[in-house]
Amino acid sequence: MVCFTCVQAAAVAGNGPKVQPVHDEETKRKQFLKTLGLKPDASFEQVQAAFKKVAVKNHPDKTSKLTPDKRAEAELKFKKASEAYHWLLDHMSKKAA
């Protein structure tokens, strides 16, 4: 699976979604924690709290009164945060098991 961040970077570079960079697990983990504004040693509870904060601030229902540019930026932040949260949730729960 290609992460949303990689597809977005490829689209900006003009390469489209054909570019599929390979990330190792630790690199992805650090990247996703950074997306949520967390340090590499963040706990599961910190991940949940950070995602909730980003999601509430950038949720499409909350940003309807913004300009189209700001709304698109908020939507992108929301999508990146959602991808980060779900990936971290999956991998942190596997480690705990």
Protein backbone atom coordinates (compact mmCIF):
# COMPACT_ATOMS: atom_id res chain seq x y z
CA MET A 1 0.00 0.00 0.00
CA VAL A 2 1.24 3.48 -0.83
CA CYS A 3 0.74 6.10 1.83
CA PHE A 4 -1.27 9.22 1.07
CA THR A 5 1.72 11.43 1.82
CA CYS A 6 3.79 9.69 -0.88
CA VAL A 7 1.00 9.97 -3.45
CA GLN A 8 0.57 13.65 -2.59
CA ALA A 9 4.31 14.30 -2.92
CA ALA A 10 4.37 12.49 -6.26
CA ALA A 11 1.41 14.51 -7.53
CA VAL A 12 3.08 17.77 -6.52
CA ALA A 13 6.27 16.66 -8.29
CA GLY A 14 4.19 15.94 -11.40
CA ASN A 15 4.84 12.20 -11.31
CA GLY A 16 1.29 11.19 -10.43
CA PRO A 17 0.47 8.18 -8.23
CA LYS A 18 2.81 5.91 -10.23
CA VAL A 19 5.65 6.74 -7.84
CA GLN A 20 5.61 4.24 -4.99
CA PRO A 21 8.42 4.94 -2.54
CA VAL A 22 9.15 2.12 -0.17
CA HIS A 23 9.27 3.06 3.50
CA ASP A 24 10.48 0.86 6.27
CA GLU A 25 8.23 0.59 9.30
CA GLU A 26 10.32 2.87 11.53
CA THR A 27 10.52 5.63 8.93
CA LYS A 28 6.76 5.55 8.42
CA ARG A 29 6.17 5.55 12.17
CA LYS A 30 8.37 8.63 12.65
CA GLN A 31 6.77 10.37 9.67
CA PHE A 32 3.25 9.72 10.95
CA LEU A 33 4.10 10.80 14.49
CA LYS A 34 5.54 14.01 13.05
CA THR A 35 2.31 14.52 11.08
CA LEU A 36 0.43 14.47 14.38
CA GLY A 37 3.01 16.74 16.03
CA LEU A 38 4.35 14.07 18.37
CA LYS A 39 7.79 12.93 19.49
CA PRO A 40 9.09 9.47 18.43
CA ASP A 41 8.45 8.00 21.90
CA ALA A 42 4.74 8.96 21.99
CA SER A 43 2.30 6.63 23.71
CA PHE A 44 -0.94 5.30 22.27
CA GLU A 45 -2.93 7.74 24.42
CA GLN A 46 -0.87 10.67 23.11
CA VAL A 47 -1.53 9.54 19.52
CA GLN A 48 -5.26 9.43 20.18
CA ALA A 49 -5.30 12.88 21.80
CA ALA A 50 -3.19 14.45 19.04
CA PHE A 51 -5.38 12.97 16.30
CA LYS A 52 -8.54 14.20 17.98
CA LYS A 53 -7.09 17.70 18.24
CA VAL A 54 -6.05 17.81 14.57
CA ALA A 55 -9.26 16.16 13.38
CA VAL A 56 -11.56 18.55 15.23
CA LYS A 57 -9.64 21.59 13.97
CA ASN A 58 -9.47 20.46 10.32
CA HIS A 59 -12.64 18.41 9.85
CA PRO A 60 -14.53 19.36 6.65
CA ASP A 61 -17.70 20.09 8.64
CA LYS A 62 -15.80 22.62 10.76
CA THR A 63 -14.04 24.37 7.87
CA SER A 64 -17.00 25.18 5.62
CA LYS A 65 -16.75 28.94 6.30
CA LEU A 66 -13.09 29.18 5.27
CA THR A 67 -11.87 30.34 1.87
CA PRO A 68 -11.53 27.55 -0.71
CA ASP A 69 -7.72 27.55 -0.39
CA LYS A 70 -7.80 27.30 3.38
CA ARG A 71 -10.53 24.65 3.19
CA ALA A 72 -8.42 22.53 0.81
CA GLU A 73 -5.41 22.90 3.10
CA ALA A 74 -7.47 21.84 6.11
CA GLU A 75 -8.88 18.86 4.21
CA LEU A 76 -5.37 17.74 3.28
CA LYS A 77 -4.24 18.04 6.92
CA PHE A 78 -7.29 16.04 8.00
CA LYS A 79 -6.57 13.27 5.46
CA LYS A 80 -2.90 13.07 6.44
CA ALA A 81 -3.77 12.99 10.15
CA SER A 82 -6.40 10.30 9.55
CA GLU A 83 -3.96 8.14 7.61
CA ALA A 84 -1.31 8.62 10.29
CA TYR A 85 -3.72 7.76 13.10
CA HIS A 86 -5.05 4.61 11.48
CA TRP A 87 -1.58 3.36 10.55
CA LEU A 88 -0.26 4.02 14.06
CA LEU A 89 -3.35 2.49 15.64
CA ASP A 90 -2.89 -0.68 13.61
CA HIS A 91 0.84 -1.00 14.28
CA MET A 92 0.68 -0.06 17.97
CA SER A 93 -2.09 -2.59 18.62
CA LYS A 94 -0.05 -5.31 16.86
CA LYS A 95 2.93 -4.53 19.10
CA ALA A 96 0.79 -4.72 22.22
CA ALA A 97 -0.62 -8.12 21.28
